[in-house]
């Protein structure tokens, strides 16, 4: 698997005027995985804190 070119925007990075949570989730799913910081689960949406 290759790392995406930083010059190439991911679908999640393309701003929409009226982005619904469903659309945001769809764009996130189409995008390359983010580099998740290890041990930092506080930023996970929907994760009970």
PDB file of N, CA and C in Angstrom:
ATOM      1  N   UNK A   1       0.851  -1.189   0.000  1.00  0.00           N
ATOM      2  CA  UNK A   1       0.000   0.000   0.000  1.00  0.00           C
ATOM      3  C   UNK A   1       0.889   1.242   0.000  1.00  0.00           C
ATOM      4  N   UNK A   2       0.532   2.208  -0.787  1.00  0.00           N
ATOM      5  CA  UNK A   2       1.342   3.414  -0.864  1.00  0.00           C
ATOM      6  C   UNK A   2       0.718   4.522  -0.041  1.00  0.00           C
ATOM      7  N   UNK A   3       1.559   5.410   0.414  1.00  0.00           N
ATOM      8  CA  UNK A   3       1.085   6.566   1.168  1.00  0.00           C
ATOM      9  C   UNK A   3       0.541   7.590   0.179  1.00  0.00           C
ATOM     10  N   UNK A   4      -0.648   8.154   0.466  1.00  0.00           N
ATOM     11  CA  UNK A   4      -1.187   9.150  -0.465  1.00  0.00           C
ATOM     12  C   UNK A   4      -0.290  10.382  -0.532  1.00  0.00           C
ATOM     13  N   UNK A   5      -0.202  10.962  -1.704  1.00  0.00           N
ATOM     14  CA  UNK A   5       0.569  12.182  -1.896  1.00  0.00           C
ATOM     15  C   UNK A   5      -0.106  13.316  -1.123  1.00  0.00           C
ATOM     16  N   UNK A   6       0.651  14.043  -0.288  1.00  0.00           N
ATOM     17  CA  UNK A   6       0.037  15.145   0.482  1.00  0.00           C
ATOM     18  C   UNK A   6      -0.617  16.207  -0.399  1.00  0.00           C
ATOM     19  N   UNK A   7      -0.197  16.286  -1.660  1.00  0.00           N
ATOM     20  CA  UNK A   7      -0.788  17.251  -2.586  1.00  0.00           C
ATOM     21  C   UNK A   7      -2.158  16.801  -3.078  1.00  0.00           C
ATOM     22  N   UNK A   8      -2.464  15.515  -2.931  1.00  0.00           N
ATOM     23  CA  UNK A   8      -3.739  14.976  -3.401  1.00  0.00           C
ATOM     24  C   UNK A   8      -4.744  15.004  -2.261  1.00  0.00           C
ATOM     25  N   UNK A   9      -5.797  15.810  -2.361  1.00  0.00           N
ATOM     26  CA  UNK A   9      -6.772  15.859  -1.262  1.00  0.00           C
ATOM     27  C   UNK A   9      -7.543  14.554  -1.138  1.00  0.00           C
ATOM     28  N   UNK A  10      -7.806  14.159   0.076  1.00  0.00           N
ATOM     29  CA  UNK A  10      -8.639  12.996   0.338  1.00  0.00           C
ATOM     30  C   UNK A  10     -10.100  13.444   0.275  1.00  0.00           C
ATOM     31  N   UNK A  11     -11.029  12.523  -0.012  1.00  0.00           N
ATOM     32  CA  UNK A  11     -12.447  12.916  -0.059  1.00  0.00           C
ATOM     33  C   UNK A  11     -12.912  13.627   1.208  1.00  0.00           C
ATOM     34  N   UNK A  12     -12.393  13.215   2.389  1.00  0.00           N
ATOM     35  CA  UNK A  12     -12.831  13.861   3.630  1.00  0.00           C
ATOM     36  C   UNK A  12     -12.355  15.303   3.728  1.00  0.00           C
ATOM     37  N   UNK A  13     -11.308  15.667   2.943  1.00  0.00           N
ATOM     38  CA  UNK A  13     -10.755  17.013   3.010  1.00  0.00           C
ATOM     39  C   UNK A  13     -11.486  18.000   2.106  1.00  0.00           C
ATOM     40  N   UNK A  14     -12.361  17.497   1.247  1.00  0.00           N
ATOM     41  CA  UNK A  14     -13.095  18.366   0.338  1.00  0.00           C
ATOM     42  C   UNK A  14     -14.310  18.916   1.083  1.00  0.00           C
ATOM     43  N   UNK A  15     -14.328  20.222   1.276  1.00  0.00           N
ATOM     44  CA  UNK A  15     -15.386  20.850   2.069  1.00  0.00           C
ATOM     45  C   UNK A  15     -16.712  20.849   1.315  1.00  0.00           C
ATOM     46  N   UNK A  16     -17.764  20.592   2.058  1.00  0.00           N
ATOM     47  CA  UNK A  16     -19.117  20.659   1.515  1.00  0.00           C
ATOM     48  C   UNK A  16     -19.876  21.736   2.277  1.00  0.00           C
ATOM     49  N   UNK A  17     -20.756  22.448   1.588  1.00  0.00           N
ATOM     50  CA  UNK A  17     -21.531  23.485   2.263  1.00  0.00           C
ATOM     51  C   UNK A  17     -22.477  22.893   3.293  1.00  0.00           C
ATOM     52  N   UNK A  18     -23.160  21.821   2.947  1.00  0.00           N
ATOM     53  CA  UNK A  18     -24.138  21.201   3.836  1.00  0.00           C
ATOM     54  C   UNK A  18     -23.741  19.745   4.037  1.00  0.00           C
ATOM     55  N   UNK A  19     -22.777  19.512   4.899  1.00  0.00           N
ATOM     56  CA  UNK A  19     -22.295  18.152   5.115  1.00  0.00           C
ATOM     57  C   UNK A  19     -23.082  17.502   6.243  1.00  0.00           C
ATOM     58  N   UNK A  20     -23.787  16.431   5.921  1.00  0.00           N
ATOM     59  CA  UNK A  20     -24.535  15.698   6.940  1.00  0.00           C
ATOM     60  C   UNK A  20     -23.592  14.703   7.610  1.00  0.00           C
ATOM     61  N   UNK A  21     -23.930  14.251   8.812  1.00  0.00           N
ATOM     62  CA  UNK A  21     -23.087  13.237   9.463  1.00  0.00           C
ATOM     63  C   UNK A  21     -22.914  11.988   8.601  1.00  0.00           C
ATOM     64  N   UNK A  22     -23.976  11.613   7.867  1.00  0.00           N
ATOM     65  CA  UNK A  22     -23.881  10.443   7.003  1.00  0.00           C
ATOM     66  C   UNK A  22     -22.893  10.687   5.863  1.00  0.00           C
ATOM     67  N   UNK A  23     -22.945  11.886   5.278  1.00  0.00           N
ATOM     68  CA  UNK A  23     -22.028  12.216   4.191  1.00  0.00           C
ATOM     69  C   UNK A  23     -20.595  12.278   4.710  1.00  0.00           C
ATOM     70  N   UNK A  24     -20.407  12.843   5.894  1.00  0.00           N
ATOM     71  CA  UNK A  24     -19.069  12.909   6.483  1.00  0.00           C
ATOM     72  C   UNK A  24     -18.516  11.506   6.699  1.00  0.00           C
ATOM     73  N   UNK A  25     -19.352  10.599   7.183  1.00  0.00           N
ATOM     74  CA  UNK A  25     -18.919   9.217   7.409  1.00  0.00           C
ATOM     75  C   UNK A  25     -18.587   8.540   6.081  1.00  0.00           C
ATOM     76  N   UNK A  26     -19.373   8.812   5.050  1.00  0.00           N
ATOM     77  CA  UNK A  26     -19.124   8.225   3.740  1.00  0.00           C
ATOM     78  C   UNK A  26     -17.798   8.714   3.166  1.00  0.00           C
ATOM     79  N   UNK A  27     -17.551  10.013   3.257  1.00  0.00           N
ATOM     80  CA  UNK A  27     -16.294  10.565   2.749  1.00  0.00           C
ATOM     81  C   UNK A  27     -15.107  10.043   3.549  1.00  0.00           C
ATOM     82  N   UNK A  28     -15.276   9.913   4.852  1.00  0.00           N
ATOM     83  CA  UNK A  28     -14.209   9.379   5.704  1.00  0.00           C
ATOM     84  C   UNK A  28     -13.887   7.946   5.285  1.00  0.00           C
ATOM     85  N   UNK A  29     -14.921   7.162   4.984  1.00  0.00           N
ATOM     86  CA  UNK A  29     -14.717   5.770   4.588  1.00  0.00           C
ATOM     87  C   UNK A  29     -13.978   5.676   3.247  1.00  0.00           C
ATOM     88  N   UNK A  30     -14.175   6.653   2.365  1.00  0.00           N
ATOM     89  CA  UNK A  30     -13.511   6.645   1.059  1.00  0.00           C
ATOM     90  C   UNK A  30     -12.072   7.138   1.136  1.00  0.00           C
ATOM     91  N   UNK A  31     -11.718   7.796   2.224  1.00  0.00           N
ATOM     92  CA  UNK A  31     -10.397   8.384   2.370  1.00  0.00           C
ATOM     93  C   UNK A  31      -9.402   7.370   2.909  1.00  0.00           C
ATOM     94  N   UNK A  32      -8.141   7.653   2.684  1.00  0.00           N
ATOM     95  CA  UNK A  32      -7.089   6.804   3.239  1.00  0.00           C
ATOM     96  C   UNK A  32      -7.130   6.904   4.760  1.00  0.00           C
ATOM     97  N   UNK A  33      -6.778   5.829   5.444  1.00  0.00           N
ATOM     98  CA  UNK A  33      -6.812   5.867   6.914  1.00  0.00           C
ATOM     99  C   UNK A  33      -5.891   6.948   7.458  1.00  0.00           C
ATOM    100  N   UNK A  34      -6.340   7.593   8.518  1.00  0.00           N
ATOM    101  CA  UNK A  34      -5.505   8.598   9.179  1.00  0.00           C
ATOM    102  C   UNK A  34      -4.459   7.887  10.024  1.00  0.00           C
ATOM    103  N   UNK A  35      -3.352   8.577  10.276  1.00  0.00           N
ATOM    104  CA  UNK A  35      -2.347   8.051  11.197  1.00  0.00           C
ATOM    105  C   UNK A  35      -2.838   8.366  12.599  1.00  0.00           C
ATOM    106  N   UNK A  36      -3.356   7.358  13.284  1.00  0.00           N
ATOM    107  CA  UNK A  36      -3.919   7.556  14.619  1.00  0.00           C
ATOM    108  C   UNK A  36      -2.800   7.622  15.648  1.00  0.00           C
ATOM    109  N   UNK A  37      -2.811   8.642  16.496  1.00  0.00           N
ATOM    110  CA  UNK A  37      -1.815   8.692  17.570  1.00  0.00           C
ATOM    111  C   UNK A  37      -2.048   7.553  18.547  1.00  0.00           C
ATOM    112  N   UNK A  38      -0.995   6.908  18.966  1.00  0.00           N
ATOM    113  CA  UNK A  38      -1.116   5.772  19.871  1.00  0.00           C
ATOM    114  C   UNK A  38      -1.501   6.238  21.268  1.00  0.00           C
ATOM    115  N   UNK A  39      -2.450   5.539  21.886  1.00  0.00           N
ATOM    116  CA  UNK A  39      -2.822   5.827  23.270  1.00  0.00           C
ATOM    117  C   UNK A  39      -3.740   7.014  23.448  1.00  0.00           C
ATOM    118  N   UNK A  40      -4.192   7.646  22.366  1.00  0.00           N
ATOM    119  CA  UNK A  40      -5.070   8.811  22.494  1.00  0.00           C
ATOM    120  C   UNK A  40      -6.446   8.449  21.966  1.00  0.00           C
ATOM    121  N   UNK A  41      -7.268   7.871  22.849  1.00  0.00           N
ATOM    122  CA  UNK A  41      -8.608   7.470  22.431  1.00  0.00           C
ATOM    123  C   UNK A  41      -9.655   8.507  22.826  1.00  0.00           C
ATOM    124  N   UNK A  42      -9.250   9.616  23.410  1.00  0.00           N
ATOM    125  CA  UNK A  42     -10.185  10.641  23.845  1.00  0.00           C
ATOM    126  C   UNK A  42     -10.839  11.378  22.694  1.00  0.00           C
ATOM    127  N   UNK A  43     -10.215  11.357  21.506  1.00  0.00           N
ATOM    128  CA  UNK A  43     -10.750  12.086  20.370  1.00  0.00           C
ATOM    129  C   UNK A  43     -11.663  11.248  19.484  1.00  0.00           C
ATOM    130  N   UNK A  44     -11.881  10.002  19.844  1.00  0.00           N
ATOM    131  CA  UNK A  44     -12.708   9.121  19.023  1.00  0.00           C
ATOM    132  C   UNK A  44     -14.175   9.503  19.190  1.00  0.00           C
ATOM    133  N   UNK A  45     -14.829   9.870  18.073  1.00  0.00           N
ATOM    134  CA  UNK A  45     -16.238  10.253  18.144  1.00  0.00           C
ATOM    135  C   UNK A  45     -17.084   9.056  18.538  1.00  0.00           C
ATOM    136  N   UNK A  46     -18.036   9.286  19.427  1.00  0.00           N
ATOM    137  CA  UNK A  46     -18.924   8.221  19.842  1.00  0.00           C
ATOM    138  C   UNK A  46     -18.320   7.318  20.897  1.00  0.00           C
ATOM    139  N   UNK A  47     -17.087   7.569  21.253  1.00  0.00           N
ATOM    140  CA  UNK A  47     -16.422   6.758  22.274  1.00  0.00           C
ATOM    141  C   UNK A  47     -16.807   7.303  23.641  1.00  0.00           C
ATOM    142  N   UNK A  48     -17.399   6.477  24.508  1.00  0.00           N
ATOM    143  CA  UNK A  48     -17.772   6.989  25.832  1.00  0.00           C
ATOM    144  C   UNK A  48     -16.538   7.372  26.635  1.00  0.00           C
ATOM    145  N   UNK A  49     -16.559   8.561  27.211  1.00  0.00           N
ATOM    146  CA  UNK A  49     -15.401   9.017  27.975  1.00  0.00           C
ATOM    147  C   UNK A  49     -15.644   8.864  29.458  1.00  0.00           C
TER     148      UNK A  49
END
